[in-house]
Amino acid sequence: MAPDHAARQVEHPAPEELELTDVLHALADPLRLDIVRALAHSDHELSCSALALPVTKSTSTHHFRVLREAGIVQQRYEGTARMNSLRREELDAVFPGLLDAVLRAATRRER
């Protein structure tokens, strides 16, 4: 039988697999953009439940999955919680300036 931790791995695309259309699609949703903004302003990882999203748990899971599959967030398990952080270095290496531009635009939208 495989070790329990093997089942708790979360798959992420490699930097060379990131697609601009996937990243832009993921960031086009206002709720997902709010998640990215919260992660960008945090100095540590955040669990999914740390973000008070105005949606059901299953919808929240969907949004985090879209962000992970697009390569925007890194997720790992800590006990039963999924911890999230931005893949800023990878995104900046593949799409220089994109994340900062999107975050600036989101801040302007909020004003």
N, C-alpha and C. Protein backbone atom coordinates (compact mmCIF):
# COMPACT_ATOMS: atom_id res chain seq x y z
N MET A 1 0.84 -1.18 0.00
CA MET A 1 0.00 0.00 0.00
C MET A 1 0.89 1.24 0.00
N ALA A 2 0.50 2.27 -0.79
CA ALA A 2 1.27 3.50 -0.89
C ALA A 2 1.18 4.28 0.41
N PRO A 3 2.23 5.03 0.73
CA PRO A 3 2.18 5.86 1.94
C PRO A 3 1.05 6.87 1.84
N ASP A 4 0.47 7.23 3.00
CA ASP A 4 -0.65 8.16 3.05
C ASP A 4 -0.30 9.52 2.44
N HIS A 5 0.95 9.98 2.63
CA HIS A 5 1.31 11.30 2.12
C HIS A 5 1.32 11.36 0.60
N ALA A 6 1.49 10.21 -0.05
CA ALA A 6 1.48 10.19 -1.51
C ALA A 6 0.11 10.59 -2.05
N ALA A 7 -0.93 10.21 -1.36
CA ALA A 7 -2.29 10.55 -1.77
C ALA A 7 -2.58 12.03 -1.53
N ARG A 8 -1.79 12.68 -0.75
CA ARG A 8 -2.03 14.07 -0.38
C ARG A 8 -1.20 15.05 -1.22
N GLN A 9 -0.58 14.56 -2.28
CA GLN A 9 0.17 15.44 -3.17
C GLN A 9 -0.81 16.17 -4.08
N VAL A 10 -0.47 17.39 -4.43
CA VAL A 10 -1.29 18.18 -5.33
C VAL A 10 -0.44 18.46 -6.57
N GLU A 11 -1.00 18.17 -7.75
CA GLU A 11 -0.25 18.36 -8.99
C GLU A 11 -0.36 19.80 -9.47
N HIS A 12 0.78 20.29 -9.97
CA HIS A 12 0.87 21.64 -10.51
C HIS A 12 1.57 21.58 -11.86
N PRO A 13 1.19 22.47 -12.78
CA PRO A 13 1.92 22.49 -14.05
C PRO A 13 3.33 23.04 -13.85
N ALA A 14 4.26 22.50 -14.61
CA ALA A 14 5.63 23.02 -14.60
C ALA A 14 5.63 24.39 -15.26
N PRO A 15 6.60 25.25 -14.92
CA PRO A 15 6.63 26.58 -15.53
C PRO A 15 6.58 26.56 -17.06
N GLU A 16 7.24 25.60 -17.67
CA GLU A 16 7.24 25.54 -19.14
C GLU A 16 5.89 25.10 -19.71
N GLU A 17 4.99 24.62 -18.86
CA GLU A 17 3.66 24.22 -19.29
C GLU A 17 2.61 25.34 -19.14
N LEU A 18 3.00 26.44 -18.53
CA LEU A 18 2.04 27.52 -18.31
C LEU A 18 1.63 28.14 -19.64
N GLU A 19 0.32 28.36 -19.78
CA GLU A 19 -0.23 28.95 -21.00
C GLU A 19 -0.86 30.30 -20.65
N LEU A 20 -0.56 31.31 -21.43
CA LEU A 20 -1.09 32.64 -21.18
C LEU A 20 -2.62 32.64 -21.17
N THR A 21 -3.23 31.91 -22.08
CA THR A 21 -4.70 31.90 -22.14
C THR A 21 -5.29 31.30 -20.86
N ASP A 22 -4.67 30.27 -20.31
CA ASP A 22 -5.16 29.68 -19.06
C ASP A 22 -5.03 30.66 -17.90
N VAL A 23 -3.89 31.35 -17.84
CA VAL A 23 -3.65 32.32 -16.77
C VAL A 23 -4.65 33.46 -16.86
N LEU A 24 -4.83 34.00 -18.06
CA LEU A 24 -5.77 35.12 -18.24
C LEU A 24 -7.21 34.69 -17.95
N HIS A 25 -7.58 33.49 -18.37
CA HIS A 25 -8.92 32.98 -18.06
C HIS A 25 -9.14 32.90 -16.55
N ALA A 26 -8.16 32.36 -15.86
CA ALA A 26 -8.28 32.21 -14.40
C ALA A 26 -8.39 33.57 -13.72
N LEU A 27 -7.64 34.54 -14.20
CA LEU A 27 -7.63 35.86 -13.58
C LEU A 27 -8.82 36.72 -13.98
N ALA A 28 -9.57 36.30 -14.99
CA ALA A 28 -10.71 37.09 -15.47
C ALA A 28 -11.90 37.04 -14.52
N ASP A 29 -11.97 36.04 -13.68
CA ASP A 29 -13.08 35.92 -12.74
C ASP A 29 -12.81 36.81 -11.52
N PRO A 30 -13.75 37.68 -11.16
CA PRO A 30 -13.53 38.59 -10.03
C PRO A 30 -13.23 37.90 -8.70
N LEU A 31 -13.87 36.78 -8.42
CA LEU A 31 -13.61 36.07 -7.18
C LEU A 31 -12.20 35.49 -7.16
N ARG A 32 -11.80 34.89 -8.27
CA ARG A 32 -10.43 34.35 -8.34
C ARG A 32 -9.40 35.48 -8.25
N LEU A 33 -9.71 36.61 -8.86
CA LEU A 33 -8.81 37.75 -8.76
C LEU A 33 -8.71 38.23 -7.31
N ASP A 34 -9.80 38.21 -6.59
CA ASP A 34 -9.76 38.56 -5.16
C ASP A 34 -8.88 37.58 -4.38
N ILE A 35 -8.94 36.30 -4.72
CA ILE A 35 -8.09 35.31 -4.06
C ILE A 35 -6.62 35.62 -4.34
N VAL A 36 -6.31 35.91 -5.59
CA VAL A 36 -4.92 36.22 -5.97
C VAL A 36 -4.45 37.49 -5.25
N ARG A 37 -5.31 38.48 -5.17
CA ARG A 37 -4.94 39.72 -4.47
C ARG A 37 -4.65 39.44 -2.99
N ALA A 38 -5.49 38.64 -2.36
CA ALA A 38 -5.27 38.31 -0.95
C ALA A 38 -3.94 37.57 -0.77
N LEU A 39 -3.65 36.64 -1.65
CA LEU A 39 -2.38 35.91 -1.56
C LEU A 39 -1.19 36.83 -1.83
N ALA A 40 -1.35 37.77 -2.75
CA ALA A 40 -0.27 38.70 -3.08
C ALA A 40 0.04 39.63 -1.91
N HIS A 41 -0.96 39.95 -1.11
CA HIS A 41 -0.76 40.86 0.01
C HIS A 41 -0.42 40.15 1.32
N SER A 42 -0.40 38.83 1.29
CA SER A 42 -0.08 38.06 2.49
C SER A 42 1.41 37.72 2.50
N ASP A 43 2.00 37.76 3.68
CA ASP A 43 3.41 37.40 3.79
C ASP A 43 3.61 35.93 4.15
N HIS A 44 2.51 35.16 4.10
CA HIS A 44 2.59 33.73 4.37
C HIS A 44 1.48 33.01 3.60
N GLU A 45 1.56 31.69 3.57
CA GLU A 45 0.54 30.89 2.90
C GLU A 45 -0.80 31.07 3.62
N LEU A 46 -1.87 30.91 2.85
CA LEU A 46 -3.21 30.99 3.42
C LEU A 46 -3.97 29.71 3.11
N SER A 47 -4.70 29.22 4.09
CA SER A 47 -5.56 28.07 3.82
C SER A 47 -6.77 28.55 3.04
N CYS A 48 -7.42 27.65 2.35
CA CYS A 48 -8.62 28.01 1.59
C CYS A 48 -9.66 28.63 2.51
N SER A 49 -9.79 28.09 3.71
CA SER A 49 -10.80 28.59 4.64
C SER A 49 -10.42 29.93 5.27
N ALA A 50 -9.17 30.34 5.16
CA ALA A 50 -8.76 31.63 5.71
C ALA A 50 -9.34 32.80 4.91
N LEU A 51 -9.73 32.51 3.68
CA LEU A 51 -10.34 33.53 2.84
C LEU A 51 -11.85 33.37 2.93
N ALA A 52 -12.51 34.36 3.45
CA ALA A 52 -13.96 34.31 3.62
C ALA A 52 -14.62 34.61 2.28
N LEU A 53 -14.81 33.58 1.49
CA LEU A 53 -15.41 33.76 0.16
C LEU A 53 -16.93 33.63 0.25
N PRO A 54 -17.65 34.45 -0.52
CA PRO A 54 -19.11 34.44 -0.44
C PRO A 54 -19.75 33.36 -1.31
N VAL A 55 -19.16 32.16 -1.28
CA VAL A 55 -19.65 31.04 -2.09
C VAL A 55 -19.60 29.77 -1.26
N THR A 56 -20.22 28.71 -1.78
CA THR A 56 -20.19 27.42 -1.08
C THR A 56 -18.78 26.83 -1.11
N LYS A 57 -18.56 25.85 -0.26
CA LYS A 57 -17.25 25.20 -0.20
C LYS A 57 -16.89 24.56 -1.54
N SER A 58 -17.85 23.93 -2.20
CA SER A 58 -17.57 23.29 -3.49
C SER A 58 -17.21 24.32 -4.56
N THR A 59 -17.86 25.46 -4.54
CA THR A 59 -17.54 26.52 -5.50
C THR A 59 -16.16 27.10 -5.20
N SER A 60 -15.85 27.27 -3.93
CA SER A 60 -14.53 27.74 -3.53
C SER A 60 -13.46 26.77 -4.02
N THR A 61 -13.69 25.48 -3.83
CA THR A 61 -12.75 24.46 -4.29
C THR A 61 -12.54 24.56 -5.80
N HIS A 62 -13.61 24.79 -6.53
CA HIS A 62 -13.52 24.95 -7.98
C HIS A 62 -12.60 26.13 -8.34
N HIS A 63 -12.80 27.27 -7.68
CA HIS A 63 -12.00 28.45 -7.99
C HIS A 63 -10.52 28.22 -7.68
N PHE A 64 -10.23 27.59 -6.56
CA PHE A 64 -8.83 27.28 -6.23
C PHE A 64 -8.24 26.29 -7.24
N ARG A 65 -9.04 25.32 -7.69
CA ARG A 65 -8.54 24.36 -8.68
C ARG A 65 -8.21 25.06 -9.99
N VAL A 66 -9.05 25.97 -10.44
CA VAL A 66 -8.78 26.72 -11.68
C VAL A 66 -7.48 27.49 -11.54
N LEU A 67 -7.28 28.14 -10.41
CA LEU A 67 -6.04 28.90 -10.19
C LEU A 67 -4.82 27.98 -10.16
N ARG A 68 -4.96 26.82 -9.53
CA ARG A 68 -3.84 25.87 -9.46
C ARG A 68 -3.52 25.30 -10.83
N GLU A 69 -4.55 24.88 -11.56
CA GLU A 69 -4.33 24.26 -12.87
C GLU A 69 -3.78 25.26 -13.88
N ALA A 70 -4.07 26.54 -13.69
CA ALA A 70 -3.50 27.58 -14.56
C ALA A 70 -2.06 27.89 -14.19
N GLY A 71 -1.63 27.44 -13.00
CA GLY A 71 -0.26 27.67 -12.57
C GLY A 71 -0.08 28.93 -11.75
N ILE A 72 -1.16 29.51 -11.29
CA ILE A 72 -1.09 30.78 -10.55
C ILE A 72 -0.81 30.55 -9.07
N VAL A 73 -1.40 29.51 -8.50
CA VAL A 73 -1.18 29.23 -7.09
C VAL A 73 -0.50 27.87 -6.90
N GLN A 74 0.21 27.79 -5.81
CA GLN A 74 0.84 26.55 -5.35
C GLN A 74 0.02 26.09 -4.16
N GLN A 75 -0.36 24.83 -4.14
CA GLN A 75 -1.11 24.29 -3.02
C GLN A 75 -0.36 23.10 -2.43
N ARG A 76 -0.46 23.00 -1.12
CA ARG A 76 0.09 21.85 -0.41
C ARG A 76 -0.80 21.58 0.78
N TYR A 77 -0.77 20.34 1.20
CA TYR A 77 -1.55 19.96 2.38
C TYR A 77 -0.75 20.20 3.64
N GLU A 78 -1.44 20.71 4.63
CA GLU A 78 -0.92 20.79 5.99
C GLU A 78 -2.02 20.22 6.86
N GLY A 79 -1.88 18.97 7.21
CA GLY A 79 -2.97 18.25 7.88
C GLY A 79 -4.10 18.08 6.88
N THR A 80 -5.26 18.57 7.22
CA THR A 80 -6.39 18.47 6.29
C THR A 80 -6.60 19.76 5.50
N ALA A 81 -5.84 20.79 5.82
CA ALA A 81 -6.00 22.08 5.15
C ALA A 81 -5.11 22.16 3.91
N ARG A 82 -5.64 22.79 2.86
CA ARG A 82 -4.82 23.09 1.69
C ARG A 82 -4.27 24.50 1.88
N MET A 83 -2.96 24.59 1.87
CA MET A 83 -2.29 25.87 2.02
C MET A 83 -1.97 26.41 0.63
N ASN A 84 -2.19 27.70 0.43
CA ASN A 84 -2.05 28.34 -0.87
C ASN A 84 -1.04 29.47 -0.84
N SER A 85 -0.27 29.56 -1.91
CA SER A 85 0.64 30.69 -2.11
C SER A 85 0.71 30.97 -3.60
N LEU A 86 1.06 32.20 -3.92
CA LEU A 86 1.22 32.57 -5.33
C LEU A 86 2.52 31.98 -5.88
N ARG A 87 2.48 31.60 -7.13
CA ARG A 87 3.70 31.13 -7.81
C ARG A 87 4.32 32.34 -8.52
N ARG A 88 4.57 33.39 -7.76
CA ARG A 88 5.02 34.66 -8.31
C ARG A 88 6.32 34.53 -9.13
N GLU A 89 7.29 33.86 -8.58
CA GLU A 89 8.58 33.74 -9.29
C GLU A 89 8.41 33.05 -10.64
N GLU A 90 7.66 31.95 -10.66
CA GLU A 90 7.44 31.22 -11.91
C GLU A 90 6.66 32.07 -12.91
N LEU A 91 5.59 32.72 -12.43
CA LEU A 91 4.79 33.57 -13.32
C LEU A 91 5.62 34.73 -13.87
N ASP A 92 6.41 35.36 -13.01
CA ASP A 92 7.24 36.47 -13.47
C ASP A 92 8.31 36.02 -14.47
N ALA A 93 8.79 34.80 -14.30
CA ALA A 93 9.80 34.29 -15.24
C ALA A 93 9.19 33.99 -16.61
N VAL A 94 7.99 33.45 -16.61
CA VAL A 94 7.34 33.06 -17.87
C VAL A 94 6.62 34.24 -18.52
N PHE A 95 5.95 35.04 -17.70
CA PHE A 95 5.17 36.19 -18.19
C PHE A 95 5.59 37.44 -17.42
N PRO A 96 6.75 38.01 -17.73
CA PRO A 96 7.28 39.14 -16.96
C PRO A 96 6.29 40.30 -16.88
N GLY A 97 6.05 40.75 -15.64
CA GLY A 97 5.20 41.91 -15.41
C GLY A 97 3.70 41.65 -15.44
N LEU A 98 3.27 40.48 -15.87
CA LEU A 98 1.83 40.22 -16.01
C LEU A 98 1.11 40.30 -14.67
N LEU A 99 1.61 39.59 -13.69
CA LEU A 99 0.92 39.56 -12.40
C LEU A 99 0.85 40.95 -11.78
N ASP A 100 1.94 41.70 -11.83
CA ASP A 100 1.93 43.06 -11.28
C ASP A 100 0.92 43.94 -12.01
N ALA A 101 0.86 43.82 -13.34
CA ALA A 101 -0.09 44.62 -14.12
C ALA A 101 -1.53 44.27 -13.75
N VAL A 102 -1.82 42.99 -13.60
CA VAL A 102 -3.17 42.55 -13.24
C VAL A 102 -3.53 43.05 -11.84
N LEU A 103 -2.60 42.97 -10.91
CA LEU A 103 -2.86 43.42 -9.54
C LEU A 103 -3.06 44.93 -9.49
N ARG A 104 -2.28 45.68 -10.26
CA ARG A 104 -2.47 47.14 -10.32
C ARG A 104 -3.85 47.48 -10.88
N ALA A 105 -4.24 46.79 -11.95
CA ALA A 105 -5.54 47.03 -12.56
C ALA A 105 -6.68 46.70 -11.60
N ALA A 106 -6.51 45.64 -10.82
CA ALA A 106 -7.54 45.25 -9.86
C ALA A 106 -7.66 46.30 -8.75
N THR A 107 -6.55 46.87 -8.36
CA THR A 107 -6.56 47.92 -7.34
C THR A 107 -7.27 49.17 -7.88
N ARG A 108 -7.02 49.52 -9.13
CA ARG A 108 -7.69 50.67 -9.75
C ARG A 108 -9.19 50.43 -9.85
N ARG A 109 -9.58 49.19 -10.16
CA ARG A 109 -10.99 48.84 -10.28
C ARG A 109 -11.72 49.01 -8.96
N GLU A 110 -11.00 48.76 -7.87
CA GLU A 110 -11.60 48.81 -6.54
C GLU A 110 -11.87 50.24 -6.07
N ARG A 111 -11.17 51.21 -6.61
CA ARG A 111 -11.30 52.60 -6.16
C ARG A 111 -12.61 53.21 -6.54
